């Protein structure tokens, strides 16, 4: 993988705009507690799976929570199927999607469907179709929430403007 496309490289380069110590791989590696060659391997994609503790350190140091989400979504076998956002877009669009997902009439319809298919404690074959649709809706809501959390976290830490 080209280092310019690598998420760890991009995160460090973006963070270096606010912290000069992150502009060199050597000083960044020292802050993370790895050798410069290990950080180079992470940033060049030479390491198959970056150690999770180093991902957490980089995410915190770089104020890049999407590194954690990307790790969970792409490396962790448990997180691979979860609705986890891995990129941050403008908070305005995300906020509109969240509000759309929390439309009262849509939520009321989902509430009724959940009650209808679970009231008797059994899911019949025809109810399975509704259950699949409900799960898809919940995943969509979860993704919108995940994106909003990423954007909000970055804004609160002051590295992304909310204008």
N, C-alpha and C. Protein backbone atom coordinates (compact mmCIF):
# COMPACT_ATOMS: atom_id res chain seq x y z
N UNK A 1 0.85 -1.18 0.00
CA UNK A 1 0.00 0.00 0.00
C UNK A 1 0.89 1.24 0.00
N UNK A 2 0.57 2.20 -0.80
CA UNK A 2 1.27 3.48 -0.84
C UNK A 2 1.05 4.21 0.47
N UNK A 3 2.13 4.76 1.06
CA UNK A 3 1.98 5.41 2.36
C UNK A 3 1.01 6.58 2.31
N UNK A 4 0.88 7.23 1.16
CA UNK A 4 -0.05 8.36 1.06
C UNK A 4 -1.51 7.94 1.23
N UNK A 5 -1.80 6.67 1.01
CA UNK A 5 -3.17 6.17 1.15
C UNK A 5 -3.38 5.45 2.48
N UNK A 6 -2.33 5.25 3.24
CA UNK A 6 -2.40 4.51 4.48
C UNK A 6 -3.04 5.36 5.58
N UNK A 7 -3.99 4.80 6.31
CA UNK A 7 -4.71 5.58 7.32
C UNK A 7 -3.82 6.04 8.46
N UNK A 8 -2.83 5.23 8.82
CA UNK A 8 -1.94 5.61 9.91
C UNK A 8 -1.03 6.77 9.49
N UNK A 9 -0.54 6.71 8.26
CA UNK A 9 0.27 7.80 7.74
C UNK A 9 -0.56 9.07 7.63
N UNK A 10 -1.75 8.97 7.04
CA UNK A 10 -2.60 10.14 6.87
C UNK A 10 -2.96 10.77 8.22
N UNK A 11 -3.26 9.93 9.20
CA UNK A 11 -3.63 10.44 10.53
C UNK A 11 -2.46 11.19 11.15
N UNK A 12 -1.26 10.64 11.04
CA UNK A 12 -0.09 11.32 11.61
C UNK A 12 0.19 12.63 10.89
N UNK A 13 0.12 12.62 9.57
CA UNK A 13 0.37 13.84 8.80
C UNK A 13 -0.66 14.92 9.13
N UNK A 14 -1.92 14.55 9.25
CA UNK A 14 -2.95 15.54 9.62
C UNK A 14 -2.70 16.07 11.03
N UNK A 15 -2.31 15.20 11.94
CA UNK A 15 -2.07 15.61 13.33
C UNK A 15 -0.83 16.50 13.43
N UNK A 16 0.12 16.32 12.51
CA UNK A 16 1.35 17.12 12.56
C UNK A 16 1.07 18.60 12.30
N UNK A 17 -0.09 18.92 11.73
CA UNK A 17 -0.47 20.32 11.52
C UNK A 17 -0.69 21.04 12.84
N UNK A 18 -1.04 20.27 13.88
CA UNK A 18 -1.27 20.83 15.21
C UNK A 18 -0.14 20.52 16.18
N UNK A 19 0.68 19.52 15.87
CA UNK A 19 1.75 19.09 16.76
C UNK A 19 2.99 18.78 15.93
N UNK A 20 3.97 19.69 15.96
CA UNK A 20 5.18 19.54 15.15
C UNK A 20 5.94 18.25 15.44
N UNK A 21 5.81 17.73 16.65
CA UNK A 21 6.55 16.50 17.00
C UNK A 21 6.08 15.30 16.18
N UNK A 22 4.93 15.42 15.55
CA UNK A 22 4.40 14.31 14.76
C UNK A 22 4.81 14.40 13.29
N UNK A 23 5.53 15.48 12.92
CA UNK A 23 5.90 15.63 11.52
C UNK A 23 7.00 14.66 11.11
N UNK A 24 7.80 14.21 12.06
CA UNK A 24 8.81 13.20 11.71
C UNK A 24 8.39 11.85 12.27
N UNK A 25 8.67 10.84 11.50
CA UNK A 25 8.35 9.47 11.90
C UNK A 25 9.12 9.10 13.17
N UNK A 26 10.33 9.60 13.30
CA UNK A 26 11.17 9.26 14.45
C UNK A 26 10.58 9.79 15.75
N UNK A 27 10.19 11.06 15.76
CA UNK A 27 9.64 11.61 17.01
C UNK A 27 8.25 11.05 17.29
N UNK A 28 7.47 10.80 16.26
CA UNK A 28 6.16 10.18 16.47
C UNK A 28 6.32 8.77 17.05
N UNK A 29 7.27 8.03 16.52
CA UNK A 29 7.52 6.67 17.01
C UNK A 29 7.90 6.70 18.48
N UNK A 30 8.70 7.68 18.87
CA UNK A 30 9.10 7.81 20.27
C UNK A 30 7.88 8.05 21.16
N UNK A 31 6.99 8.92 20.71
CA UNK A 31 5.77 9.21 21.49
C UNK A 31 4.85 7.99 21.60
N UNK A 32 4.84 7.16 20.57
CA UNK A 32 3.98 5.97 20.55
C UNK A 32 4.63 4.81 21.30
N UNK A 33 5.98 4.85 21.40
CA UNK A 33 6.69 3.78 22.08
C UNK A 33 7.04 2.62 21.17
N UNK A 34 7.31 2.93 19.90
CA UNK A 34 7.74 1.91 18.95
C UNK A 34 8.99 2.43 18.24
N UNK A 35 9.64 1.56 17.54
CA UNK A 35 10.81 1.98 16.76
C UNK A 35 10.33 2.71 15.51
N UNK A 36 11.16 3.59 14.98
CA UNK A 36 10.78 4.25 13.72
C UNK A 36 10.51 3.25 12.60
N UNK A 37 11.23 2.13 12.59
CA UNK A 37 11.00 1.13 11.54
C UNK A 37 9.64 0.45 11.73
N UNK A 38 9.20 0.25 12.99
CA UNK A 38 7.87 -0.33 13.22
C UNK A 38 6.79 0.64 12.74
N UNK A 39 6.95 1.93 13.07
CA UNK A 39 5.97 2.91 12.61
C UNK A 39 5.96 2.98 11.09
N UNK A 40 7.13 2.90 10.48
CA UNK A 40 7.20 2.88 9.01
C UNK A 40 6.44 1.67 8.47
N UNK A 41 6.61 0.53 9.11
CA UNK A 41 5.88 -0.66 8.66
C UNK A 41 4.37 -0.46 8.77
N UNK A 42 3.91 0.18 9.86
CA UNK A 42 2.47 0.45 10.01
C UNK A 42 2.01 1.36 8.88
N UNK A 43 2.79 2.43 8.63
CA UNK A 43 2.40 3.45 7.66
C UNK A 43 2.55 3.01 6.21
N UNK A 44 3.36 2.00 5.97
CA UNK A 44 3.54 1.49 4.61
C UNK A 44 2.69 0.25 4.35
N UNK A 45 1.97 -0.21 5.38
CA UNK A 45 1.13 -1.39 5.21
C UNK A 45 1.91 -2.69 5.23
N UNK A 46 3.15 -2.66 5.74
CA UNK A 46 3.98 -3.86 5.79
C UNK A 46 3.63 -4.77 6.96
N UNK A 47 2.93 -4.22 7.95
CA UNK A 47 2.52 -4.99 9.11
C UNK A 47 1.10 -5.47 8.85
N UNK A 48 0.90 -6.76 8.90
CA UNK A 48 -0.42 -7.30 8.58
C UNK A 48 -1.49 -6.75 9.52
N UNK A 49 -1.24 -6.82 10.83
CA UNK A 49 -2.17 -6.28 11.81
C UNK A 49 -1.35 -5.46 12.81
N UNK A 50 -1.68 -4.17 12.90
CA UNK A 50 -1.01 -3.29 13.85
C UNK A 50 -1.48 -3.66 15.25
N UNK A 51 -0.60 -3.76 16.24
CA UNK A 51 -1.02 -4.11 17.60
C UNK A 51 -2.09 -3.13 18.11
N UNK A 52 -3.12 -3.68 18.70
CA UNK A 52 -4.27 -2.87 19.12
C UNK A 52 -3.87 -1.77 20.09
N UNK A 53 -2.93 -2.04 20.99
CA UNK A 53 -2.52 -0.99 21.94
C UNK A 53 -1.86 0.18 21.23
N UNK A 54 -1.17 -0.09 20.12
CA UNK A 54 -0.55 0.98 19.35
C UNK A 54 -1.59 1.75 18.55
N UNK A 55 -2.62 1.07 18.09
CA UNK A 55 -3.72 1.75 17.39
C UNK A 55 -4.39 2.74 18.35
N UNK A 56 -4.63 2.30 19.58
CA UNK A 56 -5.26 3.16 20.59
C UNK A 56 -4.37 4.37 20.88
N UNK A 57 -3.07 4.14 21.04
CA UNK A 57 -2.15 5.25 21.30
C UNK A 57 -2.13 6.23 20.13
N UNK A 58 -2.05 5.72 18.91
CA UNK A 58 -2.04 6.61 17.75
C UNK A 58 -3.34 7.37 17.65
N UNK A 59 -4.46 6.70 17.84
CA UNK A 59 -5.76 7.36 17.75
C UNK A 59 -5.85 8.51 18.75
N UNK A 60 -5.39 8.28 19.96
CA UNK A 60 -5.43 9.33 20.99
C UNK A 60 -4.42 10.43 20.70
N UNK A 61 -3.21 10.06 20.38
CA UNK A 61 -2.15 11.04 20.11
C UNK A 61 -2.49 11.90 18.89
N UNK A 62 -3.03 11.29 17.86
CA UNK A 62 -3.34 12.00 16.62
C UNK A 62 -4.73 12.64 16.65
N UNK A 63 -5.50 12.45 17.72
CA UNK A 63 -6.91 12.83 17.78
C UNK A 63 -7.63 12.34 16.52
N UNK A 64 -7.54 11.06 16.34
CA UNK A 64 -8.10 10.43 15.15
C UNK A 64 -8.86 9.17 15.58
N UNK A 65 -10.03 9.35 16.22
CA UNK A 65 -10.77 8.18 16.71
C UNK A 65 -11.17 7.21 15.62
N UNK A 66 -11.18 7.68 14.37
CA UNK A 66 -11.55 6.76 13.29
C UNK A 66 -10.51 5.66 13.11
N UNK A 67 -9.28 5.84 13.64
CA UNK A 67 -8.30 4.75 13.60
C UNK A 67 -8.79 3.55 14.41
N UNK A 68 -9.38 3.83 15.57
CA UNK A 68 -9.92 2.73 16.39
C UNK A 68 -11.06 2.05 15.65
N UNK A 69 -11.95 2.87 15.09
CA UNK A 69 -13.09 2.30 14.37
C UNK A 69 -12.64 1.48 13.17
N UNK A 70 -11.65 2.01 12.45
CA UNK A 70 -11.15 1.29 11.29
C UNK A 70 -10.55 -0.05 11.70
N UNK A 71 -9.81 -0.05 12.80
CA UNK A 71 -9.24 -1.30 13.30
C UNK A 71 -10.37 -2.30 13.61
N UNK A 72 -11.37 -1.82 14.34
CA UNK A 72 -12.48 -2.70 14.72
C UNK A 72 -13.23 -3.21 13.50
N UNK A 73 -13.44 -2.35 12.54
CA UNK A 73 -14.22 -2.70 11.35
C UNK A 73 -13.44 -3.62 10.40
N UNK A 74 -12.12 -3.41 10.31
CA UNK A 74 -11.35 -4.12 9.29
C UNK A 74 -10.44 -5.23 9.82
N UNK A 75 -10.04 -5.15 11.08
CA UNK A 75 -9.09 -6.14 11.60
C UNK A 75 -9.71 -7.10 12.62
N UNK A 76 -10.61 -6.60 13.43
CA UNK A 76 -11.21 -7.43 14.48
C UNK A 76 -12.31 -8.30 13.90
N UNK A 77 -12.22 -9.61 14.09
CA UNK A 77 -13.26 -10.47 13.53
C UNK A 77 -14.65 -10.20 14.11
N UNK A 78 -14.72 -9.69 15.31
CA UNK A 78 -16.02 -9.39 15.92
C UNK A 78 -16.61 -8.13 15.30
N UNK A 79 -15.80 -7.12 15.08
CA UNK A 79 -16.29 -5.84 14.58
C UNK A 79 -16.57 -5.79 13.10
N UNK A 80 -16.09 -6.78 12.35
CA UNK A 80 -16.23 -6.73 10.89
C UNK A 80 -17.67 -6.61 10.42
N UNK A 81 -18.61 -7.17 11.14
CA UNK A 81 -20.00 -7.11 10.72
C UNK A 81 -20.81 -6.01 11.39
N UNK A 82 -20.15 -5.17 12.15
CA UNK A 82 -20.86 -4.15 12.92
C UNK A 82 -20.99 -2.85 12.12
N UNK A 83 -22.03 -2.08 12.39
CA UNK A 83 -22.18 -0.78 11.71
C UNK A 83 -21.29 0.26 12.38
N UNK A 84 -20.04 0.30 11.96
CA UNK A 84 -19.05 1.19 12.56
C UNK A 84 -18.53 2.13 11.48
N UNK A 85 -18.62 3.44 11.72
CA UNK A 85 -18.09 4.42 10.78
C UNK A 85 -16.58 4.45 10.88
N UNK A 86 -15.92 4.59 9.73
CA UNK A 86 -14.46 4.63 9.72
C UNK A 86 -13.92 5.92 9.12
N UNK A 87 -14.79 6.79 8.68
CA UNK A 87 -14.37 8.08 8.14
C UNK A 87 -15.22 9.19 8.74
N UNK A 88 -14.66 10.37 8.75
CA UNK A 88 -15.37 11.54 9.28
C UNK A 88 -15.70 12.46 8.12
N UNK A 89 -16.96 12.79 8.00
CA UNK A 89 -17.40 13.76 6.99
C UNK A 89 -17.94 14.96 7.74
N UNK A 90 -18.48 15.91 7.01
CA UNK A 90 -19.02 17.12 7.63
C UNK A 90 -20.14 16.81 8.59
N UNK A 91 -20.10 17.45 9.73
CA UNK A 91 -21.09 17.17 10.77
C UNK A 91 -22.50 17.58 10.35
N UNK A 92 -22.61 18.56 9.44
CA UNK A 92 -23.94 19.00 9.01
C UNK A 92 -24.71 17.86 8.35
N UNK A 93 -24.05 17.18 7.39
CA UNK A 93 -24.69 16.07 6.71
C UNK A 93 -24.98 14.91 7.64
N UNK A 94 -24.06 14.66 8.54
CA UNK A 94 -24.25 13.57 9.51
C UNK A 94 -25.44 13.89 10.40
N UNK A 95 -25.51 15.14 10.88
CA UNK A 95 -26.61 15.53 11.76
C UNK A 95 -27.95 15.36 11.05
N UNK A 96 -28.01 15.73 9.80
CA UNK A 96 -29.27 15.55 9.06
C UNK A 96 -29.65 14.08 8.93
N UNK A 97 -28.66 13.22 8.70
CA UNK A 97 -28.94 11.79 8.62
C UNK A 97 -29.42 11.25 9.95
N UNK A 98 -28.80 11.69 11.04
CA UNK A 98 -29.23 11.24 12.37
C UNK A 98 -30.67 11.67 12.61
N UNK A 99 -30.97 12.92 12.31
CA UNK A 99 -32.34 13.41 12.51
C UNK A 99 -33.33 12.66 11.63
N UNK A 100 -32.94 12.36 10.41
CA UNK A 100 -33.81 11.59 9.52
C UNK A 100 -34.09 10.20 10.11
N UNK A 101 -33.04 9.57 10.64
CA UNK A 101 -33.20 8.23 11.21
C UNK A 101 -34.09 8.26 12.46
N UNK A 102 -34.07 9.36 13.18
CA UNK A 102 -34.87 9.47 14.39
C UNK A 102 -36.22 10.13 14.16
N UNK A 103 -36.67 10.10 12.93
CA UNK A 103 -38.00 10.60 12.61
C UNK A 103 -39.03 9.82 13.44
N UNK A 104 -39.89 10.56 14.12
CA UNK A 104 -40.83 9.95 15.06
C UNK A 104 -41.73 8.91 14.39
N UNK A 105 -42.21 9.19 13.20
CA UNK A 105 -43.11 8.23 12.54
C UNK A 105 -42.35 6.95 12.16
N UNK A 106 -41.10 7.08 11.72
CA UNK A 106 -40.30 5.89 11.39
C UNK A 106 -40.02 5.06 12.64
N UNK A 107 -39.67 5.75 13.72
CA UNK A 107 -39.40 5.03 14.97
C UNK A 107 -40.66 4.36 15.52
N UNK A 108 -41.77 5.04 15.38
CA UNK A 108 -43.05 4.46 15.85
C UNK A 108 -43.39 3.20 15.06
N UNK A 109 -43.16 3.25 13.75
CA UNK A 109 -43.42 2.08 12.92
C UNK A 109 -42.51 0.92 13.32
N UNK A 110 -41.24 1.21 13.58
CA UNK A 110 -40.31 0.17 14.03
C UNK A 110 -40.74 -0.39 15.38
N UNK A 111 -41.18 0.49 16.27
CA UNK A 111 -41.63 0.06 17.59
C UNK A 111 -42.80 -0.92 17.45
N UNK A 112 -43.76 -0.58 16.61
CA UNK A 112 -44.92 -1.45 16.39
C UNK A 112 -44.49 -2.79 15.79
N UNK A 113 -43.58 -2.75 14.83
CA UNK A 113 -43.11 -4.00 14.22
C UNK A 113 -42.41 -4.89 15.24
N UNK A 114 -41.60 -4.29 16.09
CA UNK A 114 -40.91 -5.07 17.11
C UNK A 114 -41.90 -5.73 18.05
N UNK A 115 -42.90 -4.97 18.47
CA UNK A 115 -43.93 -5.53 19.36
C UNK A 115 -44.68 -6.65 18.66
N UNK A 116 -45.09 -6.41 17.41
CA UNK A 116 -45.87 -7.41 16.67
C UNK A 116 -45.12 -8.72 16.49
N UNK A 117 -43.86 -8.66 16.14
CA UNK A 117 -43.17 -9.92 15.83
C UNK A 117 -42.59 -10.61 17.06
N UNK A 118 -42.49 -9.90 18.18
CA UNK A 118 -41.90 -10.53 19.37
C UNK A 118 -42.89 -10.81 20.49
N UNK A 119 -44.11 -10.33 20.37
CA UNK A 119 -45.09 -10.43 21.46
C UNK A 119 -45.34 -11.87 21.92
N UNK A 120 -45.34 -12.80 20.98
CA UNK A 120 -45.64 -14.19 21.36
C UNK A 120 -44.37 -14.99 21.68
N UNK A 121 -43.21 -14.36 21.59
CA UNK A 121 -41.96 -15.05 21.91
C UNK A 121 -41.45 -15.95 20.81
N UNK A 122 -42.10 -15.94 19.65
CA UNK A 122 -41.68 -16.76 18.52
C UNK A 122 -41.61 -15.88 17.28
N UNK A 123 -40.64 -16.18 16.42
CA UNK A 123 -40.53 -15.47 15.15
C UNK A 123 -40.91 -16.45 14.05
N UNK A 124 -42.02 -16.18 13.40
CA UNK A 124 -42.50 -17.04 12.32
C UNK A 124 -41.75 -16.69 11.03
N UNK A 125 -41.81 -17.57 10.04
CA UNK A 125 -41.12 -17.28 8.78
C UNK A 125 -41.52 -15.94 8.15
N UNK A 126 -42.79 -15.59 8.19
CA UNK A 126 -43.20 -14.30 7.61
C UNK A 126 -42.70 -13.13 8.46
N UNK A 127 -42.53 -13.37 9.76
CA UNK A 127 -41.99 -12.31 10.63
C UNK A 127 -40.48 -12.14 10.45
N UNK A 128 -39.82 -13.20 9.97
CA UNK A 128 -38.38 -13.11 9.73
C UNK A 128 -38.05 -12.03 8.71
N UNK A 129 -38.91 -11.87 7.71
CA UNK A 129 -38.71 -10.83 6.69
C UNK A 129 -38.73 -9.45 7.35
N UNK A 130 -39.67 -9.25 8.26
CA UNK A 130 -39.77 -7.98 8.98
C UNK A 130 -38.55 -7.80 9.89
N UNK A 131 -38.13 -8.88 10.53
CA UNK A 131 -36.97 -8.82 11.42
C UNK A 131 -35.71 -8.42 10.65
N UNK A 132 -35.52 -8.98 9.47
CA UNK A 132 -34.37 -8.61 8.64
C UNK A 132 -34.41 -7.12 8.32
N UNK A 133 -35.56 -6.62 7.98
CA UNK A 133 -35.73 -5.19 7.68
C UNK A 133 -35.44 -4.33 8.92
N UNK A 134 -35.92 -4.77 10.07
CA UNK A 134 -35.64 -4.05 11.31
C UNK A 134 -34.15 -4.01 11.62
N UNK A 135 -33.47 -5.13 11.44
CA UNK A 135 -32.04 -5.17 11.69
C UNK A 135 -31.28 -4.24 10.73
N UNK A 136 -31.71 -4.20 9.47
CA UNK A 136 -31.09 -3.28 8.51
C UNK A 136 -31.31 -1.83 8.94
N UNK A 137 -32.51 -1.52 9.40
CA UNK A 137 -32.80 -0.16 9.89
C UNK A 137 -31.93 0.18 11.09
N UNK A 138 -31.78 -0.77 12.00
CA UNK A 138 -30.95 -0.54 13.18
C UNK A 138 -29.48 -0.33 12.79
N UNK A 139 -29.01 -1.08 11.81
CA UNK A 139 -27.64 -0.89 11.33
C UNK A 139 -27.46 0.51 10.73
N UNK A 140 -28.44 0.96 9.97
CA UNK A 140 -28.37 2.30 9.38
C UNK A 140 -28.35 3.37 10.47
N UNK A 141 -29.19 3.20 11.49
CA UNK A 141 -29.21 4.13 12.63
C UNK A 141 -27.87 4.07 13.36
N UNK A 142 -27.37 2.86 13.59
CA UNK A 142 -26.08 2.70 14.27
C UNK A 142 -24.95 3.36 13.51
N UNK A 143 -24.95 3.26 12.19
CA UNK A 143 -23.90 3.89 11.38
C UNK A 143 -23.99 5.41 11.49
N UNK A 144 -25.18 5.96 11.45
CA UNK A 144 -25.34 7.42 11.59
C UNK A 144 -24.85 7.87 12.96
N UNK A 145 -25.17 7.13 13.99
CA UNK A 145 -24.72 7.47 15.34
C UNK A 145 -23.20 7.37 15.43
N UNK A 146 -22.62 6.33 14.86
CA UNK A 146 -21.18 6.13 14.88
C UNK A 146 -20.47 7.30 14.18
N UNK A 147 -20.98 7.72 13.03
CA UNK A 147 -20.38 8.86 12.32
C UNK A 147 -20.49 10.14 13.14
N UNK A 148 -21.64 10.35 13.77
CA UNK A 148 -21.83 11.55 14.57
C UNK A 148 -20.86 11.56 15.75
N UNK A 149 -20.67 10.40 16.36
CA UNK A 149 -19.72 10.30 17.49
C UNK A 149 -18.30 10.64 17.05
N UNK A 150 -17.88 10.13 15.90
CA UNK A 150 -16.54 10.44 15.41
C UNK A 150 -16.37 11.94 15.19
N UNK A 151 -17.31 12.53 14.46
CA UNK A 151 -17.21 13.96 14.16
C UNK A 151 -17.27 14.78 15.44
N UNK A 152 -18.19 14.44 16.34
CA UNK A 152 -18.32 15.18 17.59
C UNK A 152 -17.08 15.08 18.46
N UNK A 153 -16.47 13.91 18.52
CA UNK A 153 -15.25 13.72 19.30
C UNK A 153 -14.13 14.61 18.79
N UNK A 154 -13.97 14.65 17.47
CA UNK A 154 -12.92 15.48 16.89
C UNK A 154 -13.19 16.97 17.14
N UNK A 155 -14.42 17.38 17.03
CA UNK A 155 -14.77 18.79 17.28
C UNK A 155 -14.49 19.15 18.73
N UNK A 156 -14.90 18.31 19.66
CA UNK A 156 -14.69 18.59 21.08
C UNK A 156 -13.22 18.67 21.46
N UNK A 157 -12.38 17.91 20.74
CA UNK A 157 -10.95 17.98 21.03
C UNK A 157 -10.28 19.14 20.30
N UNK A 158 -11.06 19.87 19.50
CA UNK A 158 -10.58 21.10 18.90
C UNK A 158 -9.75 20.98 17.66
N UNK A 159 -9.70 19.81 17.02
CA UNK A 159 -8.88 19.69 15.83
C UNK A 159 -9.70 19.78 14.54
N UNK A 160 -11.00 19.78 14.66
CA UNK A 160 -11.86 19.92 13.49
C UNK A 160 -12.85 21.03 13.79
N UNK A 161 -12.99 21.93 12.87
CA UNK A 161 -13.95 23.02 13.06
C UNK A 161 -15.32 22.55 12.64
N UNK A 162 -16.33 23.04 13.32
CA UNK A 162 -17.70 22.63 13.01
C UNK A 162 -18.41 23.66 12.15
N UNK A 163 -17.66 24.49 11.41
CA UNK A 163 -18.30 25.51 10.60
C UNK A 163 -18.84 24.98 9.34
